Amino acid sequence: MGKSIVMGITTIILLISLLLSGLIVASVITNESSQTDIKEDYMQMVDEIIDKTSTYIQILEQKGKYNEINQERKIDKVILYISPLITQNIDVSQLTIQLNNGDTIRFLRYLGDVKNLGTFSIFSHPIWESLDGNNFGFISVIDLDESLINGNILNDYSDHAYIVIKLPDDMAIAKNEQLIVTLFPSTGITRTIILEAPFSTRSIVDF
């Protein structure tokens, strides 16, 4: 995780450096009357890049659980272990998740509920009872100031939580099938992953 944080900060610094270099070059080759407008445009670009990069959600782990769905073994429970790239407020209540299996596209809404992991096994947690295939929730793992529990905010790179998704029956994943999952935050970079159901004799699998 530390390496990802360093890479993220390095990326931001490089992008800002490139933009500022462009600002200097542009200032040299343009007349004084237009320099103010150019500076304002570049500073706006810098602000947008910082905002998008710093609200990036890392997906650290992806797991699923097989169950019997209409007499066929399919993955119908998915968990995504997430953390902010760097310390920055991310309002998860504004997050939307898109599911795409090639035939159907469905958007999931936030359940509005965050629970502590506590002593529960992740796939046996009571929060699953609240999920109906049209929503998702969060299980908090590390949240030192309880900002996620109390305010739906990830505000530190040390925050860790599971996004828990109960797939609709028509989008449950059979062996070797794929599901494209896209996270749409209110601000920041969209995150897309492809989940492919592996062959396994175990019920809980890694993607």
C-alpha atoms as a PDB file:
ATOM      1  CA  MET A   1       0.000   0.000   0.000  1.00  0.00           C
ATOM      2  CA  GLY A   2       2.874   2.375   0.838  1.00  0.00           C
ATOM      3  CA  LYS A   3       4.268   1.972  -2.660  1.00  0.00           C
ATOM      4  CA  SER A   4       0.879   2.920  -4.158  1.00  0.00           C
ATOM      5  CA  ILE A   5       0.720   6.060  -2.035  1.00  0.00           C
ATOM      6  CA  VAL A   6       4.213   7.128  -3.100  1.00  0.00           C
ATOM      7  CA  MET A   7       3.358   6.486  -6.757  1.00  0.00           C
ATOM      8  CA  GLY A   8       0.162   8.502  -6.432  1.00  0.00           C
ATOM      9  CA  ILE A   9       1.898  11.484  -4.864  1.00  0.00           C
ATOM     10  CA  THR A  10       4.692  11.268  -7.453  1.00  0.00           C
ATOM     11  CA  THR A  11       2.105  11.283 -10.240  1.00  0.00           C
ATOM     12  CA  ILE A  12       0.460  14.411  -8.863  1.00  0.00           C
ATOM     13  CA  ILE A  13       3.810  16.190  -8.548  1.00  0.00           C
ATOM     14  CA  LEU A  14       4.815  15.266 -12.109  1.00  0.00           C
ATOM     15  CA  LEU A  15       1.492  16.430 -13.545  1.00  0.00           C
ATOM     16  CA  ILE A  16       1.657  19.728 -11.712  1.00  0.00           C
ATOM     17  CA  SER A  17       5.292  20.213 -12.777  1.00  0.00           C
ATOM     18  CA  LEU A  18       4.391  19.624 -16.412  1.00  0.00           C
ATOM     19  CA  LEU A  19       1.518  22.078 -16.237  1.00  0.00           C
ATOM     20  CA  LEU A  20       3.627  24.742 -14.570  1.00  0.00           C
ATOM     21  CA  SER A  21       6.364  24.231 -17.187  1.00  0.00           C
ATOM     22  CA  GLY A  22       3.740  24.760 -19.865  1.00  0.00           C
ATOM     23  CA  LEU A  23       2.615  27.905 -18.094  1.00  0.00           C
ATOM     24  CA  ILE A  24       6.158  29.316 -18.123  1.00  0.00           C
ATOM     25  CA  VAL A  25       6.632  28.549 -21.821  1.00  0.00           C
ATOM     26  CA  ALA A  26       3.261  29.991 -22.693  1.00  0.00           C
ATOM     27  CA  SER A  27       4.017  33.134 -20.711  1.00  0.00           C
ATOM     28  CA  VAL A  28       7.248  33.660 -22.628  1.00  0.00           C
ATOM     29  CA  ILE A  29       5.703  33.366 -26.089  1.00  0.00           C
ATOM     30  CA  THR A  30       2.539  35.369 -25.432  1.00  0.00           C
ATOM     31  CA  ASN A  31       2.051  39.031 -24.769  1.00  0.00           C
ATOM     32  CA  GLU A  32       1.473  40.396 -21.291  1.00  0.00           C
ATOM     33  CA  SER A  33      -2.249  41.043 -21.749  1.00  0.00           C
ATOM     34  CA  SER A  34      -3.008  37.367 -22.273  1.00  0.00           C
ATOM     35  CA  GLN A  35      -0.697  36.016 -19.576  1.00  0.00           C
ATOM     36  CA  THR A  36      -3.260  36.472 -16.806  1.00  0.00           C
ATOM     37  CA  ASP A  37      -5.861  34.393 -18.658  1.00  0.00           C
ATOM     38  CA  ILE A  38      -3.321  31.646 -19.368  1.00  0.00           C
ATOM     39  CA  LYS A  39      -2.278  31.500 -15.716  1.00  0.00           C
ATOM     40  CA  GLU A  40      -5.879  31.248 -14.589  1.00  0.00           C
ATOM     41  CA  ASP A  41      -6.552  28.418 -17.081  1.00  0.00           C
ATOM     42  CA  TYR A  42      -3.488  26.485 -15.967  1.00  0.00           C
ATOM     43  CA  MET A  43      -4.250  26.915 -12.277  1.00  0.00           C
ATOM     44  CA  GLN A  44      -7.767  25.640 -12.891  1.00  0.00           C
ATOM     45  CA  MET A  45      -6.307  22.608 -14.669  1.00  0.00           C
ATOM     46  CA  VAL A  46      -3.955  21.993 -11.726  1.00  0.00           C
ATOM     47  CA  ASP A  47      -6.866  22.155  -9.269  1.00  0.00           C
ATOM     48  CA  GLU A  48      -8.893  19.691 -11.357  1.00  0.00           C
ATOM     49  CA  ILE A  49      -6.009  17.220 -11.623  1.00  0.00           C
ATOM     50  CA  ILE A  50      -5.338  17.359  -7.884  1.00  0.00           C
ATOM     51  CA  ASP A  51      -9.031  16.859  -7.152  1.00  0.00           C
ATOM     52  CA  LYS A  52      -9.402  13.894  -9.502  1.00  0.00           C
ATOM     53  CA  THR A  53      -6.175  12.174  -8.503  1.00  0.00           C
ATOM     54  CA  SER A  54      -6.518  12.668  -4.765  1.00  0.00           C
ATOM     55  CA  THR A  55     -10.055  11.225  -4.676  1.00  0.00           C
ATOM     56  CA  TYR A  56      -8.905   8.025  -6.389  1.00  0.00           C
ATOM     57  CA  ILE A  57     -10.205   4.868  -4.690  1.00  0.00           C
ATOM     58  CA  GLN A  58      -7.774   1.958  -4.574  1.00  0.00           C
ATOM     59  CA  ILE A  59      -9.191  -1.554  -4.846  1.00  0.00           C
ATOM     60  CA  LEU A  60      -6.798  -3.673  -2.799  1.00  0.00           C
ATOM     61  CA  GLU A  61      -8.615  -7.004  -2.901  1.00  0.00           C
ATOM     62  CA  GLN A  62     -11.527  -8.645  -4.711  1.00  0.00           C
ATOM     63  CA  LYS A  63     -13.329 -11.747  -3.477  1.00  0.00           C
ATOM     64  CA  GLY A  64     -16.538 -13.573  -4.252  1.00  0.00           C
ATOM     65  CA  LYS A  65     -18.620 -16.378  -2.821  1.00  0.00           C
ATOM     66  CA  TYR A  66     -20.254 -19.216  -4.744  1.00  0.00           C
ATOM     67  CA  ASN A  67     -23.830 -20.227  -3.933  1.00  0.00           C
ATOM     68  CA  GLU A  68     -26.502 -22.314  -5.623  1.00  0.00           C
ATOM     69  CA  ILE A  69     -28.524 -20.025  -7.909  1.00  0.00           C
ATOM     70  CA  ASN A  70     -31.362 -21.720  -9.798  1.00  0.00           C
ATOM     71  CA  GLN A  71     -29.616 -25.089  -9.385  1.00  0.00           C
ATOM     72  CA  GLU A  72     -26.338 -23.716 -10.761  1.00  0.00           C
ATOM     73  CA  ARG A  73     -23.196 -22.825  -8.832  1.00  0.00           C
ATOM     74  CA  LYS A  74     -22.616 -19.087  -9.222  1.00  0.00           C
ATOM     75  CA  ILE A  75     -20.948 -16.201  -7.422  1.00  0.00           C
ATOM     76  CA  ASP A  76     -23.649 -13.943  -6.021  1.00  0.00           C
ATOM     77  CA  LYS A  77     -21.701 -12.156  -3.275  1.00  0.00           C
ATOM     78  CA  VAL A  78     -18.800  -9.819  -4.095  1.00  0.00           C
ATOM     79  CA  ILE A  79     -16.588  -7.792  -1.774  1.00  0.00           C
ATOM     80  CA  LEU A  80     -14.110  -5.090  -2.797  1.00  0.00           C
ATOM     81  CA  TYR A  81     -11.502  -4.077  -0.228  1.00  0.00           C
ATOM     82  CA  ILE A  82     -10.876  -0.355  -0.750  1.00  0.00           C
ATOM     83  CA  SER A  83      -8.804   2.541   0.570  1.00  0.00           C
ATOM     84  CA  PRO A  84      -8.187   6.155  -0.522  1.00  0.00           C
ATOM     85  CA  LEU A  85      -4.994   6.689  -2.508  1.00  0.00           C
ATOM     86  CA  ILE A  86      -3.978   9.598  -0.263  1.00  0.00           C
ATOM     87  CA  THR A  87      -5.496  11.495   2.657  1.00  0.00           C
ATOM     88  CA  GLN A  88      -8.478  13.370   1.250  1.00  0.00           C
ATOM     89  CA  ASN A  89     -12.220  13.522   1.968  1.00  0.00           C
ATOM     90  CA  ILE A  90     -14.179  11.086  -0.207  1.00  0.00           C
ATOM     91  CA  ASP A  91     -17.954  11.094   0.254  1.00  0.00           C
ATOM     92  CA  VAL A  92     -18.980   7.480  -0.373  1.00  0.00           C
ATOM     93  CA  SER A  93     -22.675   8.350  -0.187  1.00  0.00           C
ATOM     94  CA  GLN A  94     -22.266   9.834  -3.686  1.00  0.00           C
ATOM     95  CA  LEU A  95     -20.715   6.653  -5.083  1.00  0.00           C
ATOM     96  CA  THR A  96     -22.583   4.749  -7.807  1.00  0.00           C
ATOM     97  CA  ILE A  97     -21.669   1.257  -9.013  1.00  0.00           C
ATOM     98  CA  GLN A  98     -22.357  -0.065 -12.501  1.00  0.00           C
ATOM     99  CA  LEU A  99     -22.577  -3.791 -13.274  1.00  0.00           C
ATOM    100  CA  ASN A 100     -22.168  -4.983 -16.869  1.00  0.00           C
ATOM    101  CA  ASN A 101     -22.206  -8.646 -17.899  1.00  0.00           C
ATOM    102  CA  GLY A 102     -22.344  -7.992 -21.640  1.00  0.00           C
ATOM    103  CA  ASP A 103     -26.105  -8.459 -21.823  1.00  0.00           C
ATOM    104  CA  THR A 104     -27.359  -6.303 -18.970  1.00  0.00           C
ATOM    105  CA  ILE A 105     -26.176  -3.037 -17.440  1.00  0.00           C
ATOM    106  CA  ARG A 106     -27.416  -2.190 -13.980  1.00  0.00           C
ATOM    107  CA  PHE A 107     -26.658   0.643 -11.568  1.00  0.00           C
ATOM    108  CA  LEU A 108     -26.546   0.039  -7.836  1.00  0.00           C
ATOM    109  CA  ARG A 109     -27.383   2.711  -5.290  1.00  0.00           C
ATOM    110  CA  TYR A 110     -25.750   3.180  -1.920  1.00  0.00           C
ATOM    111  CA  LEU A 111     -27.727   1.512   0.841  1.00  0.00           C
ATOM    112  CA  GLY A 112     -26.834   4.356   3.209  1.00  0.00           C
ATOM    113  CA  ASP A 113     -25.499   1.916   5.751  1.00  0.00           C
ATOM    114  CA  VAL A 114     -21.982   1.296   7.096  1.00  0.00           C
ATOM    115  CA  LYS A 115     -21.338  -1.439   9.642  1.00  0.00           C
ATOM    116  CA  ASN A 116     -18.244  -2.381  11.605  1.00  0.00           C
ATOM    117  CA  LEU A 117     -16.718  -5.746  10.760  1.00  0.00           C
ATOM    118  CA  GLY A 118     -16.572  -6.636  14.447  1.00  0.00           C
ATOM    119  CA  THR A 119     -16.161 -10.361  15.054  1.00  0.00           C
ATOM    120  CA  PHE A 120     -18.252 -11.423  12.064  1.00  0.00           C
ATOM    121  CA  SER A 121     -16.971 -13.412   9.122  1.00  0.00           C
ATOM    122  CA  ILE A 122     -17.154 -11.074   6.116  1.00  0.00           C
ATOM    123  CA  PHE A 123     -19.602 -13.211   4.114  1.00  0.00           C
ATOM    124  CA  SER A 124     -21.767 -13.933   7.161  1.00  0.00           C
ATOM    125  CA  HIS A 125     -22.103 -10.332   8.280  1.00  0.00           C
ATOM    126  CA  PRO A 126     -25.698  -9.167   9.037  1.00  0.00           C
ATOM    127  CA  ILE A 127     -25.387  -6.360   6.454  1.00  0.00           C
ATOM    128  CA  TRP A 128     -26.026  -8.902   3.675  1.00  0.00           C
ATOM    129  CA  GLU A 129     -29.629  -9.190   4.864  1.00  0.00           C
ATOM    130  CA  SER A 130     -30.174  -5.550   3.819  1.00  0.00           C
ATOM    131  CA  LEU A 131     -28.883  -6.030   0.265  1.00  0.00           C
ATOM    132  CA  ASP A 132     -31.362  -6.860  -2.494  1.00  0.00           C
ATOM    133  CA  GLY A 133     -29.358  -6.804  -5.725  1.00  0.00           C
ATOM    134  CA  ASN A 134     -30.107  -3.146  -6.378  1.00  0.00           C
ATOM    135  CA  ASN A 135     -27.920  -1.580  -3.693  1.00  0.00           C
ATOM    136  CA  PHE A 136     -24.579  -1.922  -1.935  1.00  0.00           C
ATOM    137  CA  GLY A 137     -23.172  -1.183   1.501  1.00  0.00           C
ATOM    138  CA  PHE A 138     -19.911  -0.817   3.394  1.00  0.00           C
ATOM    139  CA  ILE A 139     -18.230  -2.790   6.134  1.00  0.00           C
ATOM    140  CA  SER A 140     -15.668  -0.698   7.966  1.00  0.00           C
ATOM    141  CA  VAL A 141     -12.370  -2.395   8.829  1.00  0.00           C
ATOM    142  CA  ILE A 142     -10.101   0.533   9.778  1.00  0.00           C
ATOM    143  CA  ASP A 143     -11.685   3.905  10.516  1.00  0.00           C
ATOM    144  CA  LEU A 144      -9.822   5.539  13.379  1.00  0.00           C
ATOM    145  CA  ASP A 145     -12.037   8.634  13.667  1.00  0.00           C
ATOM    146  CA  GLU A 146     -15.231   6.797  12.648  1.00  0.00           C
ATOM    147  CA  SER A 147     -15.763   9.260   9.803  1.00  0.00           C
ATOM    148  CA  LEU A 148     -17.069   6.460   7.585  1.00  0.00           C
ATOM    149  CA  ILE A 149     -19.422   5.095  10.225  1.00  0.00           C
ATOM    150  CA  ASN A 150     -20.792   8.483  11.259  1.00  0.00           C
ATOM    151  CA  GLY A 151     -20.484  10.591   8.119  1.00  0.00           C
ATOM    152  CA  ASN A 152     -19.987   8.346   5.068  1.00  0.00           C
ATOM    153  CA  ILE A 153     -16.534   9.888   4.605  1.00  0.00           C
ATOM    154  CA  LEU A 154     -13.199   8.220   3.844  1.00  0.00           C
ATOM    155  CA  ASN A 155     -10.776  10.896   4.993  1.00  0.00           C
ATOM    156  CA  ASP A 156      -7.418   9.205   5.539  1.00  0.00           C
ATOM    157  CA  TYR A 157      -5.238   6.861   3.487  1.00  0.00           C
ATOM    158  CA  SER A 158      -5.283   4.483   6.474  1.00  0.00           C
ATOM    159  CA  ASP A 159      -9.069   4.033   6.165  1.00  0.00           C
ATOM    160  CA  HIS A 160     -10.006   0.585   4.901  1.00  0.00           C
ATOM    161  CA  ALA A 161     -13.440  -0.794   4.136  1.00  0.00           C
ATOM    162  CA  TYR A 162     -15.242  -3.459   2.152  1.00  0.00           C
ATOM    163  CA  ILE A 163     -17.795  -2.566  -0.485  1.00  0.00           C
ATOM    164  CA  VAL A 164     -20.329  -5.390  -0.253  1.00  0.00           C
ATOM    165  CA  ILE A 165     -22.437  -6.265  -3.290  1.00  0.00           C
ATOM    166  CA  LYS A 166     -25.219  -8.841  -3.523  1.00  0.00           C
ATOM    167  CA  LEU A 167     -25.538  -9.588  -7.225  1.00  0.00           C
ATOM    168  CA  PRO A 168     -29.000  -9.945  -8.761  1.00  0.00           C
ATOM    169  CA  ASP A 169     -29.758 -13.534  -9.784  1.00  0.00           C
ATOM    170  CA  ASP A 170     -29.584 -12.640 -13.486  1.00  0.00           C
ATOM    171  CA  MET A 171     -26.087 -11.175 -13.022  1.00  0.00           C
ATOM    172  CA  ALA A 172     -24.570 -13.825 -10.736  1.00  0.00           C
ATOM    173  CA  ILE A 173     -21.311 -15.123 -12.242  1.00  0.00           C
ATOM    174  CA  ALA A 174     -20.911 -18.751 -13.296  1.00  0.00           C
ATOM    175  CA  LYS A 175     -17.489 -20.369 -13.781  1.00  0.00           C
ATOM    176  CA  ASN A 176     -15.400 -18.554 -16.440  1.00  0.00           C
ATOM    177  CA  GLU A 177     -18.011 -15.820 -16.860  1.00  0.00           C
ATOM    178  CA  GLN A 178     -17.064 -12.173 -16.464  1.00  0.00           C
ATOM    179  CA  LEU A 179     -18.660  -9.162 -14.843  1.00  0.00           C
ATOM    180  CA  ILE A 180     -17.429  -5.604 -15.405  1.00  0.00           C
ATOM    181  CA  VAL A 181     -17.742  -3.455 -12.278  1.00  0.00           C
ATOM    182  CA  THR A 182     -17.279   0.317 -12.490  1.00  0.00           C
ATOM    183  CA  LEU A 183     -17.134   2.698  -9.535  1.00  0.00           C
ATOM    184  CA  PHE A 184     -18.412   6.219 -10.246  1.00  0.00           C
ATOM    185  CA  PRO A 185     -17.454   8.645  -7.445  1.00  0.00           C
ATOM    186  CA  SER A 186     -19.050  12.093  -7.362  1.00  0.00           C
ATOM    187  CA  THR A 187     -15.595  13.522  -8.075  1.00  0.00           C
ATOM    188  CA  GLY A 188     -12.350  11.867  -8.997  1.00  0.00           C
ATOM    189  CA  ILE A 189     -11.333   9.072 -11.317  1.00  0.00           C
ATOM    190  CA  THR A 190     -13.736   6.328 -12.395  1.00  0.00           C
ATOM    191  CA  ARG A 191     -12.442   2.858 -11.483  1.00  0.00           C
ATOM    192  CA  THR A 192     -13.249  -0.223 -13.594  1.00  0.00           C
ATOM    193  CA  ILE A 193     -12.389  -3.836 -12.842  1.00  0.00           C
ATOM    194  CA  ILE A 194     -13.237  -7.122 -14.558  1.00  0.00           C
ATOM    195  CA  LEU A 195     -14.281 -10.005 -12.313  1.00  0.00           C
ATOM    196  CA  GLU A 196     -13.922 -13.474 -13.824  1.00  0.00           C
ATOM    197  CA  ALA A 197     -15.304 -16.408 -11.878  1.00  0.00           C
ATOM    198  CA  PRO A 198     -12.521 -18.994 -11.443  1.00  0.00           C
ATOM    199  CA  PHE A 199     -12.920 -22.740 -11.177  1.00  0.00           C
ATOM    200  CA  SER A 200     -12.691 -23.669  -7.532  1.00  0.00           C
ATOM    201  CA  THR A 201     -13.955 -26.338  -5.192  1.00  0.00           C
ATOM    202  CA  ARG A 202     -14.050 -23.723  -2.451  1.00  0.00           C
ATOM    203  CA  SER A 203     -16.992 -21.415  -1.919  1.00  0.00           C
ATOM    204  CA  ILE A 204     -14.889 -18.245  -1.328  1.00  0.00           C
ATOM    205  CA  VAL A 205     -12.583 -17.260  -4.194  1.00  0.00           C
ATOM    206  CA  ASP A 206     -10.230 -14.483  -5.257  1.00  0.00           C
ATOM    207  CA  PHE A 207     -10.778 -12.699  -8.558  1.00  0.00           C
END
